[in-house]
N, C-alpha and C. Protein backbone atom coordinates (compact mmCIF):
# COMPACT_ATOMS: atom_id res chain seq x y z
N MET A 1 -33.17 7.02 16.12
CA MET A 1 -32.14 7.58 15.24
C MET A 1 -30.77 7.48 15.90
N ASN A 2 -29.75 7.12 15.13
CA ASN A 2 -28.39 7.02 15.62
C ASN A 2 -27.88 8.40 16.00
N ASN A 3 -27.45 8.57 17.27
CA ASN A 3 -26.97 9.88 17.72
C ASN A 3 -25.74 10.34 16.97
N ARG A 4 -25.01 9.39 16.36
CA ARG A 4 -23.81 9.75 15.62
C ARG A 4 -24.12 10.06 14.16
N SER A 5 -25.37 9.91 13.77
CA SER A 5 -25.74 10.13 12.38
C SER A 5 -25.85 11.61 12.08
N TYR A 6 -25.44 11.97 10.85
CA TYR A 6 -25.65 13.35 10.40
C TYR A 6 -27.12 13.58 10.05
N ASN A 7 -27.83 12.48 9.78
CA ASN A 7 -29.25 12.56 9.45
C ASN A 7 -29.49 13.49 8.26
N GLN A 8 -28.64 13.34 7.24
CA GLN A 8 -28.76 14.16 6.04
C GLN A 8 -28.94 13.26 4.82
N TYR A 9 -29.79 13.69 3.91
CA TYR A 9 -30.04 12.94 2.67
C TYR A 9 -28.92 13.27 1.68
N CYS A 10 -27.74 12.67 1.94
CA CYS A 10 -26.52 13.04 1.20
C CYS A 10 -25.57 11.86 1.23
N GLY A 11 -25.07 11.45 0.05
CA GLY A 11 -24.14 10.33 -0.01
C GLY A 11 -22.87 10.56 0.76
N LEU A 12 -22.32 11.78 0.73
CA LEU A 12 -21.10 12.08 1.46
C LEU A 12 -21.31 11.93 2.96
N ALA A 13 -22.47 12.38 3.44
CA ALA A 13 -22.76 12.25 4.87
C ALA A 13 -22.80 10.79 5.29
N TYR A 14 -23.42 9.96 4.47
CA TYR A 14 -23.48 8.53 4.80
C TYR A 14 -22.09 7.89 4.73
N ALA A 15 -21.27 8.33 3.75
CA ALA A 15 -19.91 7.80 3.66
C ALA A 15 -19.12 8.15 4.91
N LEU A 16 -19.27 9.38 5.39
CA LEU A 16 -18.52 9.81 6.57
C LEU A 16 -18.99 9.11 7.83
N GLU A 17 -20.26 8.73 7.87
CA GLU A 17 -20.74 7.97 9.03
C GLU A 17 -20.02 6.62 9.12
N ILE A 18 -19.66 6.06 7.97
CA ILE A 18 -18.97 4.76 7.95
C ILE A 18 -17.47 4.93 8.07
N LEU A 19 -16.91 5.97 7.45
CA LEU A 19 -15.46 6.08 7.30
C LEU A 19 -14.82 7.21 8.09
N GLY A 20 -15.64 8.04 8.73
CA GLY A 20 -15.12 9.28 9.30
C GLY A 20 -14.38 9.15 10.62
N GLU A 21 -14.47 8.00 11.27
CA GLU A 21 -13.75 7.84 12.55
C GLU A 21 -12.24 7.75 12.31
N ARG A 22 -11.48 8.26 13.27
CA ARG A 22 -10.02 8.24 13.20
C ARG A 22 -9.53 6.80 13.00
N TRP A 23 -8.58 6.60 12.12
CA TRP A 23 -7.91 5.35 11.78
C TRP A 23 -8.67 4.50 10.76
N THR A 24 -9.95 4.73 10.56
CA THR A 24 -10.74 3.83 9.71
C THR A 24 -10.19 3.75 8.29
N MET A 25 -9.94 4.92 7.68
CA MET A 25 -9.43 4.93 6.31
C MET A 25 -8.04 4.32 6.22
N LEU A 26 -7.25 4.46 7.27
CA LEU A 26 -5.90 3.90 7.25
C LEU A 26 -5.93 2.39 7.39
N VAL A 27 -6.91 1.86 8.09
CA VAL A 27 -7.08 0.40 8.13
C VAL A 27 -7.34 -0.12 6.72
N ILE A 28 -8.20 0.57 5.99
CA ILE A 28 -8.49 0.17 4.60
C ILE A 28 -7.23 0.29 3.75
N ARG A 29 -6.45 1.35 3.95
CA ARG A 29 -5.18 1.50 3.23
C ARG A 29 -4.29 0.29 3.41
N GLU A 30 -4.25 -0.24 4.61
CA GLU A 30 -3.39 -1.39 4.90
C GLU A 30 -3.81 -2.65 4.15
N LEU A 31 -5.06 -2.69 3.71
CA LEU A 31 -5.58 -3.90 3.07
C LEU A 31 -5.59 -3.80 1.54
N ILE A 32 -5.11 -2.69 1.00
CA ILE A 32 -5.13 -2.48 -0.45
C ILE A 32 -4.32 -3.56 -1.17
N ALA A 33 -3.20 -3.98 -0.58
CA ALA A 33 -2.33 -4.96 -1.24
C ALA A 33 -2.71 -6.40 -0.92
N GLY A 34 -3.82 -6.58 -0.21
CA GLY A 34 -4.27 -7.94 0.07
C GLY A 34 -4.53 -8.18 1.55
N PRO A 35 -5.09 -9.34 1.90
CA PRO A 35 -5.44 -9.66 3.29
C PRO A 35 -4.22 -9.62 4.21
N ARG A 36 -4.48 -9.24 5.46
CA ARG A 36 -3.40 -9.16 6.44
C ARG A 36 -3.89 -9.67 7.80
N ARG A 37 -2.93 -10.17 8.57
CA ARG A 37 -3.23 -10.60 9.93
C ARG A 37 -3.38 -9.38 10.84
N PHE A 38 -4.01 -9.59 11.98
CA PHE A 38 -4.17 -8.52 12.96
C PHE A 38 -2.80 -7.93 13.33
N LYS A 39 -1.82 -8.82 13.55
CA LYS A 39 -0.47 -8.36 13.92
C LYS A 39 0.12 -7.47 12.84
N ASP A 40 -0.07 -7.84 11.58
CA ASP A 40 0.47 -7.05 10.48
C ASP A 40 -0.21 -5.68 10.40
N LEU A 41 -1.52 -5.67 10.61
CA LEU A 41 -2.25 -4.41 10.61
C LEU A 41 -1.77 -3.50 11.75
N PHE A 42 -1.60 -4.10 12.91
CA PHE A 42 -1.15 -3.33 14.07
C PHE A 42 0.23 -2.73 13.82
N ASN A 43 1.13 -3.52 13.24
CA ASN A 43 2.48 -3.02 12.96
C ASN A 43 2.47 -1.93 11.89
N GLY A 44 1.50 -1.98 10.98
CA GLY A 44 1.42 -0.99 9.91
C GLY A 44 0.72 0.29 10.32
N LEU A 45 0.21 0.34 11.55
CA LEU A 45 -0.52 1.50 12.04
C LEU A 45 0.08 1.99 13.35
N PRO A 46 1.33 2.47 13.32
CA PRO A 46 1.97 2.92 14.56
C PRO A 46 1.15 4.01 15.24
N GLY A 47 0.89 3.79 16.52
CA GLY A 47 0.12 4.77 17.29
C GLY A 47 -1.27 4.30 17.65
N ILE A 48 -1.78 3.30 16.95
CA ILE A 48 -3.11 2.78 17.27
C ILE A 48 -2.99 1.77 18.41
N SER A 49 -4.02 1.66 19.24
CA SER A 49 -4.02 0.65 20.30
C SER A 49 -4.69 -0.62 19.79
N THR A 50 -4.41 -1.74 20.44
CA THR A 50 -5.02 -3.00 20.02
C THR A 50 -6.54 -2.94 20.17
N ASN A 51 -7.02 -2.31 21.23
CA ASN A 51 -8.46 -2.21 21.44
C ASN A 51 -9.13 -1.39 20.34
N LEU A 52 -8.50 -0.29 19.97
CA LEU A 52 -9.08 0.56 18.94
C LEU A 52 -9.05 -0.13 17.58
N LEU A 53 -7.96 -0.83 17.28
CA LEU A 53 -7.90 -1.57 16.01
C LEU A 53 -8.98 -2.64 15.97
N THR A 54 -9.18 -3.34 17.08
CA THR A 54 -10.24 -4.35 17.15
C THR A 54 -11.60 -3.71 16.89
N GLU A 55 -11.82 -2.53 17.48
CA GLU A 55 -13.09 -1.83 17.30
C GLU A 55 -13.30 -1.41 15.85
N ARG A 56 -12.23 -0.89 15.21
CA ARG A 56 -12.36 -0.44 13.82
C ARG A 56 -12.61 -1.63 12.88
N LEU A 57 -11.93 -2.74 13.12
CA LEU A 57 -12.14 -3.92 12.29
C LEU A 57 -13.56 -4.46 12.44
N LYS A 58 -14.06 -4.47 13.65
CA LYS A 58 -15.42 -4.93 13.90
C LYS A 58 -16.42 -4.04 13.17
N HIS A 59 -16.20 -2.73 13.23
CA HIS A 59 -17.10 -1.77 12.57
C HIS A 59 -17.10 -1.99 11.05
N LEU A 60 -15.91 -2.12 10.47
CA LEU A 60 -15.81 -2.30 9.03
C LEU A 60 -16.40 -3.63 8.58
N GLU A 61 -16.25 -4.64 9.43
CA GLU A 61 -16.84 -5.95 9.11
C GLU A 61 -18.37 -5.86 9.15
N GLN A 62 -18.90 -5.16 10.14
CA GLN A 62 -20.35 -5.00 10.25
C GLN A 62 -20.92 -4.22 9.07
N GLN A 63 -20.12 -3.29 8.55
CA GLN A 63 -20.57 -2.48 7.41
C GLN A 63 -20.37 -3.19 6.07
N GLY A 64 -19.75 -4.37 6.10
CA GLY A 64 -19.56 -5.14 4.89
C GLY A 64 -18.38 -4.72 4.04
N LEU A 65 -17.45 -3.93 4.61
CA LEU A 65 -16.29 -3.46 3.84
C LEU A 65 -15.12 -4.43 3.93
N ILE A 66 -15.04 -5.20 5.01
CA ILE A 66 -13.98 -6.19 5.14
C ILE A 66 -14.59 -7.51 5.57
N VAL A 67 -13.84 -8.57 5.35
CA VAL A 67 -14.27 -9.89 5.76
C VAL A 67 -13.11 -10.57 6.48
N ARG A 68 -13.45 -11.34 7.48
CA ARG A 68 -12.44 -12.09 8.24
C ARG A 68 -12.51 -13.55 7.82
N GLN A 69 -11.34 -14.14 7.58
CA GLN A 69 -11.32 -15.54 7.18
C GLN A 69 -10.08 -16.23 7.76
N VAL A 70 -10.17 -17.55 7.85
CA VAL A 70 -9.06 -18.36 8.35
C VAL A 70 -8.40 -19.03 7.16
N LEU A 71 -7.09 -18.84 7.02
CA LEU A 71 -6.36 -19.45 5.92
C LEU A 71 -6.27 -20.96 6.11
N ALA A 72 -6.16 -21.64 5.01
CA ALA A 72 -6.05 -23.10 5.05
C ALA A 72 -4.71 -23.50 5.65
N PRO A 73 -4.61 -24.71 6.25
CA PRO A 73 -3.33 -25.20 6.76
C PRO A 73 -2.31 -25.26 5.63
N PRO A 74 -1.01 -25.12 5.90
CA PRO A 74 -0.43 -25.06 7.25
C PRO A 74 -0.47 -23.68 7.89
N ALA A 75 -0.85 -22.63 7.16
CA ALA A 75 -0.84 -21.29 7.75
C ALA A 75 -1.83 -21.21 8.90
N GLY A 76 -3.10 -21.42 8.61
CA GLY A 76 -4.12 -21.43 9.66
C GLY A 76 -4.35 -20.10 10.34
N SER A 77 -3.82 -19.01 9.78
CA SER A 77 -3.95 -17.70 10.42
C SER A 77 -5.28 -17.06 10.07
N THR A 78 -5.76 -16.22 10.97
CA THR A 78 -6.93 -15.40 10.68
C THR A 78 -6.47 -14.11 10.02
N VAL A 79 -7.07 -13.78 8.88
CA VAL A 79 -6.69 -12.58 8.15
C VAL A 79 -7.94 -11.76 7.84
N TYR A 80 -7.70 -10.48 7.58
CA TYR A 80 -8.77 -9.55 7.21
C TYR A 80 -8.51 -9.07 5.79
N GLY A 81 -9.56 -9.06 4.97
CA GLY A 81 -9.41 -8.61 3.60
C GLY A 81 -10.58 -7.75 3.18
N LEU A 82 -10.40 -6.99 2.13
CA LEU A 82 -11.46 -6.13 1.62
C LEU A 82 -12.49 -6.95 0.85
N THR A 83 -13.75 -6.61 1.00
CA THR A 83 -14.81 -7.15 0.16
C THR A 83 -14.87 -6.31 -1.12
N ASP A 84 -15.75 -6.69 -2.03
CA ASP A 84 -15.94 -5.88 -3.24
C ASP A 84 -16.38 -4.47 -2.87
N LEU A 85 -17.22 -4.36 -1.85
CA LEU A 85 -17.66 -3.05 -1.39
C LEU A 85 -16.49 -2.23 -0.87
N GLY A 86 -15.60 -2.87 -0.12
CA GLY A 86 -14.42 -2.17 0.39
C GLY A 86 -13.46 -1.78 -0.70
N ARG A 87 -13.26 -2.68 -1.68
CA ARG A 87 -12.36 -2.37 -2.79
C ARG A 87 -12.88 -1.23 -3.65
N GLY A 88 -14.18 -1.01 -3.59
CA GLY A 88 -14.76 0.11 -4.33
C GLY A 88 -14.28 1.46 -3.86
N LEU A 89 -13.64 1.51 -2.70
CA LEU A 89 -13.11 2.76 -2.16
C LEU A 89 -11.76 3.14 -2.77
N GLU A 90 -11.13 2.21 -3.48
CA GLU A 90 -9.76 2.46 -3.95
C GLU A 90 -9.63 3.73 -4.79
N PRO A 91 -10.49 3.98 -5.78
CA PRO A 91 -10.33 5.23 -6.55
C PRO A 91 -10.39 6.48 -5.68
N SER A 92 -11.27 6.48 -4.68
CA SER A 92 -11.36 7.64 -3.78
C SER A 92 -10.10 7.78 -2.94
N LEU A 93 -9.57 6.65 -2.48
CA LEU A 93 -8.34 6.69 -1.69
C LEU A 93 -7.17 7.21 -2.52
N LEU A 94 -7.12 6.80 -3.79
CA LEU A 94 -6.05 7.27 -4.67
C LEU A 94 -6.11 8.79 -4.84
N GLU A 95 -7.31 9.31 -5.04
CA GLU A 95 -7.45 10.76 -5.22
C GLU A 95 -7.13 11.50 -3.93
N LEU A 96 -7.55 10.96 -2.80
CA LEU A 96 -7.21 11.58 -1.51
C LEU A 96 -5.70 11.57 -1.26
N GLY A 97 -5.09 10.44 -1.59
CA GLY A 97 -3.64 10.34 -1.42
C GLY A 97 -2.90 11.31 -2.30
N LYS A 98 -3.36 11.45 -3.54
CA LYS A 98 -2.71 12.40 -4.46
C LYS A 98 -2.88 13.83 -3.95
N TRP A 99 -4.07 14.16 -3.50
CA TRP A 99 -4.32 15.49 -2.97
C TRP A 99 -3.49 15.74 -1.70
N GLY A 100 -3.44 14.74 -0.82
CA GLY A 100 -2.72 14.89 0.44
C GLY A 100 -1.22 14.93 0.28
N SER A 101 -0.69 14.42 -0.86
CA SER A 101 0.77 14.37 -1.04
C SER A 101 1.39 15.76 -1.05
N GLN A 102 0.60 16.79 -1.38
CA GLN A 102 1.15 18.15 -1.40
C GLN A 102 1.47 18.66 0.00
N PHE A 103 0.94 17.99 1.02
CA PHE A 103 1.18 18.41 2.40
C PHE A 103 2.24 17.55 3.11
N VAL A 104 2.71 16.50 2.45
CA VAL A 104 3.71 15.62 3.06
C VAL A 104 5.02 16.40 3.19
N PRO A 105 5.65 16.42 4.38
CA PRO A 105 6.89 17.18 4.54
C PRO A 105 8.01 16.65 3.67
N ALA A 106 8.92 17.53 3.30
CA ALA A 106 10.04 17.15 2.43
C ALA A 106 10.93 16.11 3.09
N SER A 107 11.06 16.18 4.41
CA SER A 107 11.89 15.24 5.16
C SER A 107 11.02 14.33 6.02
N SER A 108 11.43 13.08 6.14
CA SER A 108 10.69 12.13 6.96
C SER A 108 11.24 12.03 8.38
N GLU A 109 12.16 12.91 8.74
CA GLU A 109 12.84 12.80 10.04
C GLU A 109 11.87 12.96 11.21
N GLN A 110 10.82 13.77 11.05
CA GLN A 110 9.92 14.05 12.15
C GLN A 110 8.66 13.20 12.14
N VAL A 111 8.56 12.28 11.19
CA VAL A 111 7.34 11.48 11.09
C VAL A 111 7.71 9.99 11.04
N GLN A 112 6.70 9.16 11.25
CA GLN A 112 6.90 7.72 11.31
C GLN A 112 6.87 7.12 9.91
N LEU A 113 7.92 6.38 9.56
CA LEU A 113 7.89 5.61 8.31
C LEU A 113 7.07 4.35 8.52
N LEU A 114 6.46 3.87 7.44
CA LEU A 114 5.59 2.71 7.52
C LEU A 114 6.24 1.50 6.87
N ASN A 115 5.52 0.40 6.83
CA ASN A 115 5.99 -0.80 6.14
C ASN A 115 5.73 -0.65 4.64
N ILE A 116 6.41 -1.45 3.84
CA ILE A 116 6.26 -1.33 2.38
C ILE A 116 4.82 -1.62 1.95
N GLY A 117 4.14 -2.53 2.64
CA GLY A 117 2.75 -2.81 2.28
C GLY A 117 1.84 -1.61 2.45
N SER A 118 2.18 -0.75 3.40
CA SER A 118 1.39 0.46 3.64
C SER A 118 1.52 1.45 2.50
N TYR A 119 2.59 1.32 1.71
CA TYR A 119 2.83 2.25 0.60
C TYR A 119 2.38 1.69 -0.75
N ALA A 120 1.60 0.60 -0.71
CA ALA A 120 1.06 0.07 -1.97
C ALA A 120 0.21 1.11 -2.67
N LEU A 121 -0.51 1.90 -1.88
CA LEU A 121 -1.36 2.94 -2.45
C LEU A 121 -0.54 4.01 -3.16
N THR A 122 0.69 4.25 -2.68
CA THR A 122 1.56 5.24 -3.31
C THR A 122 1.88 4.83 -4.74
N LEU A 123 2.21 3.56 -4.94
CA LEU A 123 2.51 3.08 -6.29
C LEU A 123 1.32 3.28 -7.22
N LYS A 124 0.12 2.99 -6.71
CA LYS A 124 -1.07 3.13 -7.54
C LYS A 124 -1.41 4.60 -7.79
N THR A 125 -1.12 5.44 -6.81
CA THR A 125 -1.44 6.87 -6.95
C THR A 125 -0.65 7.51 -8.08
N PHE A 126 0.63 7.14 -8.20
CA PHE A 126 1.50 7.79 -9.17
C PHE A 126 1.80 6.92 -10.39
N PHE A 127 1.06 5.83 -10.54
CA PHE A 127 1.27 4.91 -11.66
C PHE A 127 1.00 5.60 -13.00
N ARG A 128 1.88 5.33 -13.99
CA ARG A 128 1.75 5.90 -15.33
C ARG A 128 1.48 4.77 -16.33
N PRO A 129 0.22 4.51 -16.63
CA PRO A 129 -0.11 3.40 -17.53
C PRO A 129 0.57 3.50 -18.89
N ALA A 130 0.72 4.71 -19.40
CA ALA A 130 1.32 4.88 -20.74
C ALA A 130 2.76 4.40 -20.78
N GLN A 131 3.46 4.44 -19.63
CA GLN A 131 4.84 4.00 -19.56
C GLN A 131 4.96 2.50 -19.36
N ALA A 132 3.85 1.85 -19.03
CA ALA A 132 3.89 0.44 -18.64
C ALA A 132 3.27 -0.46 -19.69
N GLN A 133 3.62 -0.26 -20.94
CA GLN A 133 3.06 -1.07 -22.02
C GLN A 133 3.93 -2.30 -22.27
N PHE A 134 4.16 -3.05 -21.23
CA PHE A 134 4.92 -4.30 -21.28
C PHE A 134 4.52 -5.11 -20.06
N ARG A 135 4.98 -6.33 -19.97
CA ARG A 135 4.70 -7.15 -18.79
C ARG A 135 6.00 -7.49 -18.07
N GLU A 136 6.03 -7.19 -16.77
CA GLU A 136 7.23 -7.47 -15.97
C GLU A 136 6.83 -7.50 -14.49
N SER A 137 7.47 -8.40 -13.74
CA SER A 137 7.17 -8.54 -12.32
C SER A 137 8.41 -8.22 -11.48
N TYR A 138 8.16 -7.67 -10.30
CA TYR A 138 9.23 -7.25 -9.38
C TYR A 138 8.89 -7.78 -7.99
N GLN A 139 9.90 -8.25 -7.29
CA GLN A 139 9.71 -8.76 -5.95
C GLN A 139 10.58 -7.96 -4.99
N TRP A 140 9.92 -7.20 -4.12
CA TRP A 140 10.61 -6.33 -3.17
C TRP A 140 10.67 -6.97 -1.79
N HIS A 141 11.88 -7.05 -1.23
CA HIS A 141 12.09 -7.48 0.16
C HIS A 141 12.56 -6.25 0.93
N VAL A 142 11.71 -5.74 1.79
CA VAL A 142 12.02 -4.48 2.48
C VAL A 142 11.78 -4.65 3.98
N ASP A 143 12.86 -4.63 4.74
CA ASP A 143 12.78 -4.71 6.21
C ASP A 143 11.89 -5.86 6.68
N GLY A 144 12.08 -7.02 6.05
CA GLY A 144 11.35 -8.21 6.50
C GLY A 144 9.98 -8.39 5.88
N GLU A 145 9.53 -7.44 5.08
CA GLU A 145 8.24 -7.57 4.40
C GLU A 145 8.46 -7.84 2.92
N LEU A 146 7.48 -8.49 2.30
CA LEU A 146 7.59 -8.90 0.90
C LEU A 146 6.42 -8.33 0.12
N LEU A 147 6.73 -7.62 -0.96
CA LEU A 147 5.70 -7.03 -1.82
C LEU A 147 6.01 -7.36 -3.27
N SER A 148 4.99 -7.82 -3.99
CA SER A 148 5.15 -8.14 -5.40
C SER A 148 4.40 -7.11 -6.24
N VAL A 149 5.05 -6.68 -7.30
CA VAL A 149 4.45 -5.69 -8.20
C VAL A 149 4.56 -6.24 -9.62
N THR A 150 3.45 -6.21 -10.35
CA THR A 150 3.44 -6.63 -11.74
C THR A 150 2.88 -5.51 -12.61
N LEU A 151 3.63 -5.18 -13.65
CA LEU A 151 3.17 -4.26 -14.68
C LEU A 151 2.72 -5.10 -15.87
N ASP A 152 1.52 -4.85 -16.35
CA ASP A 152 0.98 -5.70 -17.41
C ASP A 152 0.22 -4.84 -18.42
N HIS A 153 0.96 -4.28 -19.37
CA HIS A 153 0.37 -3.52 -20.48
C HIS A 153 -0.66 -2.50 -19.99
N GLY A 154 -0.18 -1.59 -19.16
CA GLY A 154 -1.01 -0.50 -18.66
C GLY A 154 -1.76 -0.79 -17.38
N GLN A 155 -1.57 -1.99 -16.83
CA GLN A 155 -2.21 -2.35 -15.56
C GLN A 155 -1.14 -2.52 -14.49
N LEU A 156 -1.52 -2.22 -13.25
CA LEU A 156 -0.61 -2.36 -12.11
C LEU A 156 -1.26 -3.28 -11.09
N ILE A 157 -0.54 -4.35 -10.73
CA ILE A 157 -1.02 -5.30 -9.72
C ILE A 157 -0.02 -5.29 -8.57
N VAL A 158 -0.50 -4.99 -7.38
CA VAL A 158 0.34 -4.94 -6.18
C VAL A 158 -0.23 -5.92 -5.16
N GLN A 159 0.62 -6.83 -4.67
CA GLN A 159 0.16 -7.85 -3.74
C GLN A 159 1.22 -8.15 -2.70
N GLN A 160 0.75 -8.51 -1.51
CA GLN A 160 1.65 -9.04 -0.50
C GLN A 160 2.11 -10.42 -0.95
N GLY A 161 3.35 -10.80 -0.59
CA GLY A 161 3.82 -12.14 -0.88
C GLY A 161 4.70 -12.20 -2.10
N PRO A 162 5.16 -13.42 -2.45
CA PRO A 162 6.12 -13.60 -3.54
C PRO A 162 5.50 -13.42 -4.91
N SER A 163 6.36 -13.13 -5.88
CA SER A 163 5.95 -12.96 -7.27
C SER A 163 6.38 -14.18 -8.07
N GLN A 164 5.61 -14.51 -9.09
CA GLN A 164 5.98 -15.62 -9.96
C GLN A 164 6.90 -15.12 -11.08
N GLN A 165 8.05 -15.72 -11.17
CA GLN A 165 9.04 -15.40 -12.20
C GLN A 165 9.32 -13.89 -12.29
N PRO A 166 9.77 -13.30 -11.20
CA PRO A 166 10.08 -11.86 -11.25
C PRO A 166 11.29 -11.59 -12.13
N ALA A 167 11.27 -10.46 -12.82
CA ALA A 167 12.43 -10.05 -13.62
C ALA A 167 13.57 -9.61 -12.72
N ILE A 168 13.21 -9.20 -11.49
CA ILE A 168 14.23 -8.73 -10.56
C ILE A 168 13.73 -8.93 -9.14
N ILE A 169 14.62 -9.33 -8.26
CA ILE A 169 14.35 -9.43 -6.82
C ILE A 169 15.22 -8.39 -6.14
N LEU A 170 14.59 -7.54 -5.32
CA LEU A 170 15.31 -6.41 -4.73
C LEU A 170 15.23 -6.47 -3.21
N HIS A 171 16.36 -6.19 -2.56
CA HIS A 171 16.44 -6.12 -1.11
C HIS A 171 16.92 -4.73 -0.71
N THR A 172 16.15 -4.07 0.16
CA THR A 172 16.56 -2.75 0.61
C THR A 172 15.83 -2.41 1.90
N THR A 173 16.03 -1.18 2.39
CA THR A 173 15.32 -0.69 3.57
C THR A 173 14.18 0.22 3.12
N ILE A 174 13.26 0.49 4.02
CA ILE A 174 12.14 1.36 3.67
C ILE A 174 12.64 2.78 3.37
N GLU A 175 13.70 3.22 4.06
CA GLU A 175 14.23 4.56 3.78
C GLU A 175 14.73 4.67 2.35
N HIS A 176 15.50 3.68 1.90
CA HIS A 176 16.04 3.73 0.54
C HIS A 176 14.96 3.48 -0.50
N TYR A 177 13.98 2.66 -0.17
CA TYR A 177 12.86 2.43 -1.08
C TYR A 177 12.13 3.74 -1.35
N LEU A 178 11.83 4.48 -0.29
CA LEU A 178 11.12 5.75 -0.45
C LEU A 178 11.99 6.79 -1.17
N GLN A 179 13.28 6.77 -0.91
CA GLN A 179 14.17 7.70 -1.61
C GLN A 179 14.19 7.42 -3.11
N LEU A 180 14.11 6.15 -3.48
CA LEU A 180 14.03 5.80 -4.90
C LEU A 180 12.72 6.31 -5.51
N LEU A 181 11.61 6.11 -4.80
CA LEU A 181 10.32 6.58 -5.31
C LEU A 181 10.27 8.10 -5.44
N GLN A 182 10.93 8.78 -4.51
CA GLN A 182 10.90 10.24 -4.52
C GLN A 182 11.96 10.85 -5.43
N GLY A 183 12.78 10.01 -6.04
CA GLY A 183 13.80 10.49 -6.95
C GLY A 183 15.01 11.09 -6.26
N GLU A 184 15.16 10.82 -4.97
CA GLU A 184 16.30 11.35 -4.22
C GLU A 184 17.57 10.55 -4.48
N ILE A 185 17.41 9.32 -4.93
CA ILE A 185 18.55 8.46 -5.27
C ILE A 185 18.32 7.92 -6.68
N LYS A 186 19.33 8.02 -7.52
CA LYS A 186 19.26 7.42 -8.85
C LYS A 186 19.37 5.91 -8.73
N PRO A 187 18.66 5.15 -9.55
CA PRO A 187 18.71 3.68 -9.44
C PRO A 187 20.11 3.11 -9.63
N GLU A 188 20.89 3.69 -10.58
CA GLU A 188 22.26 3.17 -10.79
C GLU A 188 23.12 3.39 -9.55
N LEU A 189 22.96 4.58 -8.93
CA LEU A 189 23.74 4.90 -7.73
C LEU A 189 23.36 3.98 -6.58
N ALA A 190 22.06 3.73 -6.43
CA ALA A 190 21.59 2.86 -5.35
C ALA A 190 22.16 1.46 -5.49
N ILE A 191 22.24 0.97 -6.71
CA ILE A 191 22.80 -0.36 -6.95
C ILE A 191 24.30 -0.37 -6.73
N ASN A 192 25.00 0.64 -7.29
CA ASN A 192 26.46 0.69 -7.19
C ASN A 192 26.93 0.86 -5.75
N GLN A 193 26.17 1.58 -4.94
CA GLN A 193 26.56 1.81 -3.55
C GLN A 193 26.03 0.73 -2.61
N GLY A 194 25.33 -0.24 -3.14
CA GLY A 194 24.83 -1.34 -2.32
C GLY A 194 23.63 -0.97 -1.47
N LEU A 195 22.97 0.15 -1.79
CA LEU A 195 21.77 0.54 -1.05
C LEU A 195 20.60 -0.36 -1.41
N VAL A 196 20.69 -0.94 -2.61
CA VAL A 196 19.72 -1.93 -3.07
C VAL A 196 20.50 -3.12 -3.60
N GLN A 197 20.22 -4.31 -3.08
CA GLN A 197 20.84 -5.53 -3.61
C GLN A 197 19.84 -6.19 -4.55
N ILE A 198 20.31 -6.59 -5.71
CA ILE A 198 19.39 -7.12 -6.72
C ILE A 198 19.82 -8.48 -7.23
N GLN A 199 18.83 -9.23 -7.65
CA GLN A 199 19.02 -10.46 -8.42
C GLN A 199 18.19 -10.33 -9.68
N GLY A 200 18.84 -10.37 -10.82
CA GLY A 200 18.11 -10.22 -12.07
C GLY A 200 18.59 -9.02 -12.87
N ASP A 201 17.78 -8.57 -13.79
CA ASP A 201 18.13 -7.49 -14.70
C ASP A 201 18.14 -6.14 -13.98
N PRO A 202 19.30 -5.49 -13.81
CA PRO A 202 19.35 -4.21 -13.09
C PRO A 202 18.55 -3.11 -13.78
N ASN A 203 18.37 -3.20 -15.09
CA ASN A 203 17.58 -2.19 -15.79
C ASN A 203 16.11 -2.25 -15.44
N ALA A 204 15.70 -3.37 -14.85
CA ALA A 204 14.29 -3.50 -14.45
C ALA A 204 13.93 -2.49 -13.37
N LEU A 205 14.87 -2.14 -12.51
CA LEU A 205 14.60 -1.15 -11.47
C LEU A 205 14.25 0.20 -12.09
N THR A 206 14.98 0.60 -13.10
CA THR A 206 14.68 1.86 -13.78
C THR A 206 13.31 1.81 -14.44
N ARG A 207 12.99 0.68 -15.07
CA ARG A 207 11.68 0.56 -15.71
C ARG A 207 10.56 0.65 -14.67
N PHE A 208 10.77 0.02 -13.52
CA PHE A 208 9.79 0.08 -12.43
C PHE A 208 9.57 1.53 -11.99
N LEU A 209 10.66 2.26 -11.78
CA LEU A 209 10.56 3.64 -11.30
C LEU A 209 9.95 4.56 -12.35
N MET A 210 10.22 4.32 -13.61
CA MET A 210 9.63 5.14 -14.66
C MET A 210 8.10 5.02 -14.65
N CYS A 211 7.60 3.88 -14.21
CA CYS A 211 6.15 3.64 -14.22
C CYS A 211 5.48 4.00 -12.89
N CYS A 212 6.21 3.88 -11.77
CA CYS A 212 5.55 3.93 -10.46
C CYS A 212 6.09 5.00 -9.50
N ALA A 213 7.24 5.57 -9.77
CA ALA A 213 7.85 6.50 -8.82
C ALA A 213 7.08 7.82 -8.77
N ILE A 214 7.17 8.48 -7.62
CA ILE A 214 6.60 9.83 -7.50
C ILE A 214 7.34 10.77 -8.43
N ASN A 215 8.66 10.69 -8.40
CA ASN A 215 9.52 11.47 -9.31
C ASN A 215 10.39 10.49 -10.07
N PRO A 216 10.01 10.12 -11.28
CA PRO A 216 10.75 9.09 -12.02
C PRO A 216 12.13 9.57 -12.46
N PRO A 217 13.06 8.65 -12.74
CA PRO A 217 14.40 9.03 -13.19
C PRO A 217 14.30 9.81 -14.50
N GLU A 218 15.24 10.72 -14.66
CA GLU A 218 15.28 11.51 -15.91
C GLU A 218 16.09 10.78 -16.96
């Protein structure tokens, strides 16, 4: 018998045996928006060591939650992505994130901000399908990272990398991106003050926030 096993006839106990180690769930969070390189995962998990990240990836691969693959040339990079089994955790992660949001401090001054890819789960957590009864794509460039978001008649698609025919291309910092999601900055003010540089329809930013922001514009 595995000494680390709860040895209980219970689905939650078995889930915790796979996911209960520190950092494991956050590794999965990093892969929600698509496959990532080891370097990208490490940068998205401030505080983790390379050895521990290697150990967590190996564990998740052995459990069948992630798969490692080599991209075709010219990239040729090794990336880690979720399997169907791993993607099955998304609804649970969304509910945990929603529940945990009540404990997030009002100010981010004392905590570490993450990369935009790490906040893909935030968009899905607060997504309002009823507001997104149209199709539109957005391409976010935030502190050197690229995230594409597509709203498609009540569906939300979030992916790393460029978007095809985006209605708007936005450049900003992670601080201003989060302030927009939290409703601390109005979209018109952010554009007028140059906190967000845009190419395309400026009204698209408001539509995006109405569907995905934690606190949408009034």
